[in-house]
N, C-alpha and C. Protein backbone atom coordinates (compact mmCIF):
# COMPACT_ATOMS: atom_id res chain seq x y z
N MET A 1 7.00 -32.08 -96.04
CA MET A 1 6.59 -30.71 -95.78
C MET A 1 5.66 -30.21 -96.89
N LYS A 2 6.02 -30.55 -98.15
CA LYS A 2 5.21 -30.11 -99.28
C LYS A 2 3.81 -30.72 -99.22
N LYS A 3 3.72 -32.01 -98.85
CA LYS A 3 2.42 -32.67 -98.72
C LYS A 3 1.58 -32.00 -97.63
N LEU A 4 2.22 -31.61 -96.55
CA LEU A 4 1.51 -30.94 -95.46
C LEU A 4 0.93 -29.62 -95.92
N LEU A 5 1.70 -28.85 -96.69
CA LEU A 5 1.23 -27.56 -97.20
C LEU A 5 0.07 -27.74 -98.17
N VAL A 6 0.15 -28.74 -99.03
CA VAL A 6 -0.94 -29.01 -99.97
C VAL A 6 -2.19 -29.42 -99.21
N THR A 7 -2.05 -30.29 -98.23
CA THR A 7 -3.18 -30.72 -97.42
C THR A 7 -3.80 -29.54 -96.68
N LEU A 8 -2.98 -28.68 -96.12
CA LEU A 8 -3.47 -27.50 -95.42
C LEU A 8 -4.21 -26.57 -96.38
N ALA A 9 -3.69 -26.37 -97.56
CA ALA A 9 -4.34 -25.51 -98.56
C ALA A 9 -5.70 -26.06 -98.96
N ILE A 10 -5.79 -27.35 -99.15
CA ILE A 10 -7.05 -28.00 -99.51
C ILE A 10 -8.05 -27.86 -98.36
N ALA A 11 -7.60 -28.04 -97.14
CA ALA A 11 -8.49 -27.91 -95.98
C ALA A 11 -9.02 -26.48 -95.85
N LEU A 12 -8.17 -25.49 -96.07
CA LEU A 12 -8.61 -24.10 -96.00
C LEU A 12 -9.62 -23.78 -97.10
N LEU A 13 -9.40 -24.30 -98.29
CA LEU A 13 -10.33 -24.10 -99.39
C LEU A 13 -11.68 -24.73 -99.05
N ALA A 14 -11.68 -25.91 -98.50
CA ALA A 14 -12.92 -26.59 -98.13
C ALA A 14 -13.68 -25.80 -97.08
N VAL A 15 -12.98 -25.24 -96.11
CA VAL A 15 -13.63 -24.45 -95.07
C VAL A 15 -14.24 -23.19 -95.67
N SER A 16 -13.54 -22.52 -96.58
CA SER A 16 -14.07 -21.30 -97.17
C SER A 16 -15.28 -21.60 -98.04
N ILE A 17 -15.27 -22.71 -98.75
CA ILE A 17 -16.43 -23.09 -99.56
C ILE A 17 -17.59 -23.46 -98.66
N ALA A 18 -17.32 -24.17 -97.58
CA ALA A 18 -18.38 -24.59 -96.67
C ALA A 18 -19.00 -23.40 -95.95
N SER A 19 -18.27 -22.29 -95.80
CA SER A 19 -18.81 -21.14 -95.08
C SER A 19 -19.76 -20.32 -95.93
N ALA A 20 -19.76 -20.50 -97.25
CA ALA A 20 -20.70 -19.81 -98.11
C ALA A 20 -22.09 -20.39 -97.88
N LYS A 21 -23.07 -19.51 -97.72
CA LYS A 21 -24.45 -19.95 -97.51
C LYS A 21 -25.24 -19.67 -98.78
N THR A 22 -26.15 -20.58 -99.12
CA THR A 22 -26.93 -20.47 -100.34
C THR A 22 -28.42 -20.43 -100.03
N TYR A 23 -29.13 -19.55 -100.74
CA TYR A 23 -30.57 -19.38 -100.58
C TYR A 23 -31.19 -19.26 -101.97
N ASN A 24 -32.50 -19.39 -102.05
CA ASN A 24 -33.21 -19.22 -103.32
C ASN A 24 -34.13 -18.01 -103.22
N ILE A 25 -34.19 -17.24 -104.31
CA ILE A 25 -35.10 -16.10 -104.37
C ILE A 25 -35.75 -16.06 -105.75
N THR A 26 -36.86 -15.32 -105.82
CA THR A 26 -37.53 -15.05 -107.09
C THR A 26 -37.52 -13.55 -107.30
N LEU A 27 -37.04 -13.13 -108.47
CA LEU A 27 -37.10 -11.73 -108.86
C LEU A 27 -38.28 -11.60 -109.81
N PHE A 28 -39.23 -10.73 -109.49
CA PHE A 28 -40.45 -10.61 -110.27
C PHE A 28 -40.36 -9.52 -111.34
N GLN A 29 -39.27 -8.77 -111.36
CA GLN A 29 -39.08 -7.71 -112.34
C GLN A 29 -37.59 -7.59 -112.63
N PRO A 30 -37.21 -6.93 -113.73
CA PRO A 30 -35.79 -6.72 -113.98
C PRO A 30 -35.16 -6.02 -112.77
N SER A 31 -34.06 -6.57 -112.27
CA SER A 31 -33.47 -6.10 -111.01
C SER A 31 -31.97 -5.91 -111.18
N VAL A 32 -31.47 -4.76 -110.73
CA VAL A 32 -30.05 -4.47 -110.84
C VAL A 32 -29.34 -4.89 -109.56
N VAL A 33 -28.31 -5.74 -109.72
CA VAL A 33 -27.46 -6.18 -108.62
C VAL A 33 -26.04 -5.84 -109.02
N GLY A 34 -25.39 -4.98 -108.23
CA GLY A 34 -24.06 -4.51 -108.62
C GLY A 34 -24.19 -3.72 -109.91
N ASP A 35 -23.49 -4.14 -110.95
CA ASP A 35 -23.55 -3.48 -112.26
C ASP A 35 -24.36 -4.29 -113.27
N THR A 36 -25.06 -5.34 -112.82
CA THR A 36 -25.74 -6.25 -113.72
C THR A 36 -27.25 -6.17 -113.55
N GLU A 37 -27.97 -6.07 -114.67
CA GLU A 37 -29.43 -6.13 -114.62
C GLU A 37 -29.86 -7.56 -114.89
N LEU A 38 -30.53 -8.15 -113.91
CA LEU A 38 -30.99 -9.53 -114.00
C LEU A 38 -32.44 -9.56 -114.44
N LYS A 39 -32.77 -10.51 -115.31
CA LYS A 39 -34.15 -10.69 -115.77
C LYS A 39 -34.97 -11.34 -114.67
N PRO A 40 -36.29 -11.18 -114.71
CA PRO A 40 -37.15 -11.86 -113.74
C PRO A 40 -36.95 -13.37 -113.80
N GLY A 41 -37.05 -14.02 -112.64
CA GLY A 41 -36.91 -15.47 -112.59
C GLY A 41 -36.42 -15.96 -111.26
N GLU A 42 -36.15 -17.26 -111.20
CA GLU A 42 -35.65 -17.93 -110.01
C GLU A 42 -34.13 -17.83 -109.98
N TYR A 43 -33.58 -17.49 -108.81
CA TYR A 43 -32.14 -17.32 -108.67
C TYR A 43 -31.64 -17.99 -107.40
N LYS A 44 -30.38 -18.35 -107.43
CA LYS A 44 -29.67 -18.85 -106.25
C LYS A 44 -28.84 -17.68 -105.72
N VAL A 45 -28.92 -17.45 -104.42
CA VAL A 45 -28.15 -16.39 -103.76
C VAL A 45 -27.08 -17.06 -102.92
N GLU A 46 -25.82 -16.75 -103.19
CA GLU A 46 -24.71 -17.30 -102.43
C GLU A 46 -24.05 -16.16 -101.66
N VAL A 47 -24.03 -16.29 -100.35
CA VAL A 47 -23.44 -15.28 -99.48
C VAL A 47 -22.15 -15.83 -98.90
N ASN A 48 -21.07 -15.08 -99.08
CA ASN A 48 -19.77 -15.47 -98.54
C ASN A 48 -19.13 -14.23 -97.95
N ALA A 49 -19.15 -14.13 -96.62
CA ALA A 49 -18.65 -12.97 -95.89
C ALA A 49 -19.42 -11.74 -96.34
N ASP A 50 -18.75 -10.76 -96.96
CA ASP A 50 -19.43 -9.52 -97.36
C ASP A 50 -19.69 -9.47 -98.87
N LYS A 51 -19.71 -10.62 -99.51
CA LYS A 51 -19.97 -10.70 -100.96
C LYS A 51 -21.22 -11.54 -101.20
N VAL A 52 -21.98 -11.14 -102.22
CA VAL A 52 -23.15 -11.91 -102.62
C VAL A 52 -23.07 -12.15 -104.12
N ARG A 53 -23.48 -13.34 -104.51
CA ARG A 53 -23.53 -13.71 -105.93
C ARG A 53 -24.93 -14.26 -106.17
N ILE A 54 -25.63 -13.66 -107.14
CA ILE A 54 -26.99 -14.07 -107.48
C ILE A 54 -26.94 -14.62 -108.90
N THR A 55 -27.33 -15.89 -109.07
CA THR A 55 -27.19 -16.53 -110.38
C THR A 55 -28.35 -17.47 -110.67
N ASN A 56 -28.63 -17.63 -111.95
CA ASN A 56 -29.62 -18.63 -112.38
C ASN A 56 -29.04 -19.54 -113.46
N GLY A 57 -27.74 -19.55 -113.60
CA GLY A 57 -27.08 -20.37 -114.61
C GLY A 57 -26.78 -19.61 -115.88
N ARG A 58 -27.65 -18.69 -116.27
CA ARG A 58 -27.43 -17.88 -117.47
C ARG A 58 -26.95 -16.49 -117.12
N GLN A 59 -27.43 -15.95 -116.02
CA GLN A 59 -27.09 -14.60 -115.61
C GLN A 59 -26.53 -14.62 -114.20
N THR A 60 -25.57 -13.72 -113.95
CA THR A 60 -24.97 -13.62 -112.62
C THR A 60 -24.77 -12.16 -112.27
N GLY A 61 -25.18 -11.80 -111.06
CA GLY A 61 -24.90 -10.47 -110.52
C GLY A 61 -24.12 -10.63 -109.23
N GLU A 62 -23.11 -9.79 -109.04
CA GLU A 62 -22.29 -9.85 -107.84
C GLU A 62 -22.22 -8.47 -107.22
N ALA A 63 -22.18 -8.44 -105.89
CA ALA A 63 -22.10 -7.16 -105.18
C ALA A 63 -21.54 -7.37 -103.79
N THR A 64 -21.09 -6.29 -103.21
CA THR A 64 -20.70 -6.28 -101.81
C THR A 64 -21.97 -6.03 -101.00
N VAL A 65 -22.12 -6.72 -99.89
CA VAL A 65 -23.29 -6.53 -99.03
C VAL A 65 -22.85 -6.44 -97.57
N LYS A 66 -23.73 -5.88 -96.79
CA LYS A 66 -23.56 -5.92 -95.34
C LYS A 66 -24.56 -6.96 -94.84
N VAL A 67 -24.08 -7.98 -94.18
CA VAL A 67 -24.94 -9.03 -93.65
C VAL A 67 -25.32 -8.65 -92.23
N GLU A 68 -26.63 -8.47 -92.01
CA GLU A 68 -27.13 -8.10 -90.69
C GLU A 68 -27.99 -9.22 -90.14
N THR A 69 -28.10 -9.26 -88.83
CA THR A 69 -28.95 -10.24 -88.16
C THR A 69 -30.08 -9.51 -87.47
N SER A 70 -31.30 -9.86 -87.82
CA SER A 70 -32.49 -9.26 -87.23
C SER A 70 -32.79 -9.94 -85.90
N ASP A 71 -33.56 -9.29 -85.07
CA ASP A 71 -33.95 -9.91 -83.79
C ASP A 71 -35.12 -10.87 -83.96
N ARG A 72 -35.65 -10.97 -85.20
CA ARG A 72 -36.74 -11.91 -85.47
C ARG A 72 -36.52 -12.59 -86.80
N LYS A 73 -37.12 -13.77 -86.97
CA LYS A 73 -37.03 -14.49 -88.24
C LYS A 73 -38.02 -13.88 -89.23
N PHE A 74 -37.61 -13.87 -90.49
CA PHE A 74 -38.48 -13.39 -91.55
C PHE A 74 -39.31 -14.58 -92.05
N SER A 75 -40.62 -14.39 -92.16
CA SER A 75 -41.49 -15.49 -92.58
C SER A 75 -41.37 -15.76 -94.09
N ASN A 76 -41.10 -14.72 -94.87
CA ASN A 76 -40.97 -14.86 -96.32
C ASN A 76 -39.71 -14.15 -96.79
N THR A 77 -39.21 -14.56 -97.94
CA THR A 77 -38.11 -13.84 -98.57
C THR A 77 -38.70 -12.63 -99.30
N THR A 78 -38.15 -11.46 -99.01
CA THR A 78 -38.61 -10.24 -99.67
C THR A 78 -37.41 -9.46 -100.20
N VAL A 79 -37.65 -8.75 -101.30
CA VAL A 79 -36.62 -7.93 -101.92
C VAL A 79 -37.11 -6.48 -101.89
N LYS A 80 -36.29 -5.59 -101.36
CA LYS A 80 -36.61 -4.17 -101.31
C LYS A 80 -35.75 -3.47 -102.37
N TYR A 81 -36.37 -2.54 -103.10
CA TYR A 81 -35.69 -1.86 -104.20
C TYR A 81 -35.59 -0.36 -103.96
N SER A 82 -34.64 0.27 -104.65
CA SER A 82 -34.63 1.72 -104.83
C SER A 82 -34.88 1.92 -106.33
N ASN A 83 -35.50 3.04 -106.68
CA ASN A 83 -35.88 3.26 -108.07
C ASN A 83 -35.68 4.71 -108.47
N GLY A 84 -34.60 5.34 -108.02
CA GLY A 84 -34.35 6.74 -108.30
C GLY A 84 -34.02 7.05 -109.74
N ASP A 85 -33.47 6.09 -110.46
CA ASP A 85 -33.06 6.34 -111.85
C ASP A 85 -33.91 5.58 -112.86
N GLY A 86 -35.06 5.08 -112.43
CA GLY A 86 -35.94 4.34 -113.33
C GLY A 86 -35.65 2.85 -113.41
N LYS A 87 -34.58 2.39 -112.75
CA LYS A 87 -34.25 0.97 -112.70
C LYS A 87 -34.46 0.47 -111.28
N TYR A 88 -34.89 -0.78 -111.15
CA TYR A 88 -35.09 -1.38 -109.84
C TYR A 88 -33.77 -1.95 -109.34
N ARG A 89 -33.13 -1.21 -108.44
CA ARG A 89 -31.85 -1.62 -107.86
C ARG A 89 -32.13 -2.31 -106.52
N VAL A 90 -31.59 -3.53 -106.37
CA VAL A 90 -31.81 -4.26 -105.12
C VAL A 90 -31.13 -3.51 -103.99
N GLN A 91 -31.90 -3.22 -102.95
CA GLN A 91 -31.41 -2.48 -101.79
C GLN A 91 -31.26 -3.41 -100.58
N GLU A 92 -32.20 -4.34 -100.43
CA GLU A 92 -32.18 -5.30 -99.31
C GLU A 92 -32.80 -6.60 -99.77
N ILE A 93 -32.33 -7.69 -99.19
CA ILE A 93 -32.99 -8.98 -99.31
C ILE A 93 -33.14 -9.54 -97.90
N ARG A 94 -34.38 -9.81 -97.53
CA ARG A 94 -34.69 -10.47 -96.24
C ARG A 94 -34.95 -11.93 -96.56
N LEU A 95 -34.14 -12.80 -96.00
CA LEU A 95 -34.18 -14.22 -96.35
C LEU A 95 -35.17 -14.96 -95.47
N GLY A 96 -36.25 -15.42 -96.07
CA GLY A 96 -37.32 -16.13 -95.36
C GLY A 96 -36.82 -17.36 -94.63
N GLY A 97 -37.35 -17.57 -93.43
CA GLY A 97 -36.95 -18.71 -92.60
C GLY A 97 -35.67 -18.46 -91.82
N THR A 98 -35.09 -17.26 -91.99
CA THR A 98 -33.87 -16.91 -91.26
C THR A 98 -34.07 -15.52 -90.64
N ASN A 99 -33.09 -15.09 -89.91
CA ASN A 99 -33.08 -13.71 -89.40
C ASN A 99 -31.97 -12.92 -90.10
N THR A 100 -31.63 -13.34 -91.34
CA THR A 100 -30.55 -12.73 -92.10
C THR A 100 -31.10 -11.67 -93.06
N LEU A 101 -30.47 -10.50 -93.01
CA LEU A 101 -30.81 -9.38 -93.86
C LEU A 101 -29.56 -8.98 -94.64
N LEU A 102 -29.69 -8.94 -95.98
CA LEU A 102 -28.58 -8.52 -96.82
C LEU A 102 -28.84 -7.09 -97.26
N VAL A 103 -27.93 -6.17 -96.91
CA VAL A 103 -28.09 -4.77 -97.24
C VAL A 103 -27.06 -4.41 -98.30
N PHE A 104 -27.53 -3.93 -99.45
CA PHE A 104 -26.66 -3.57 -100.56
C PHE A 104 -26.26 -2.10 -100.45
N PRO A 105 -25.06 -1.77 -100.90
CA PRO A 105 -24.62 -0.37 -100.84
C PRO A 105 -25.47 0.51 -101.75
N VAL A 106 -25.67 1.75 -101.35
CA VAL A 106 -26.42 2.70 -102.16
C VAL A 106 -25.51 3.22 -103.26
N SER A 107 -26.00 3.15 -104.51
CA SER A 107 -25.17 3.62 -105.63
C SER A 107 -25.41 5.06 -105.91
């Protein structure tokens, strides 16, 4: 019974890891994601349900997002910002080659 539970736990972990989707983006200016200001550069975006993690190995920003599906594919990856307080806060990411739109909560 114990072996069965361990096997089941490992299988569930594998499924949850496999369900995370990863994309690449470039931030061209200092960008705020969640509570973290990320420097310009190349980043990996990992989407898992309603959570996003943006990392380049040295810096990581995490936030809750709403994942939406557009009726058309986006040709390029684009980042939309809000700038009400003088900082560029990520508001949306449209993932090129997909119809996936990540919408960040308004702070």
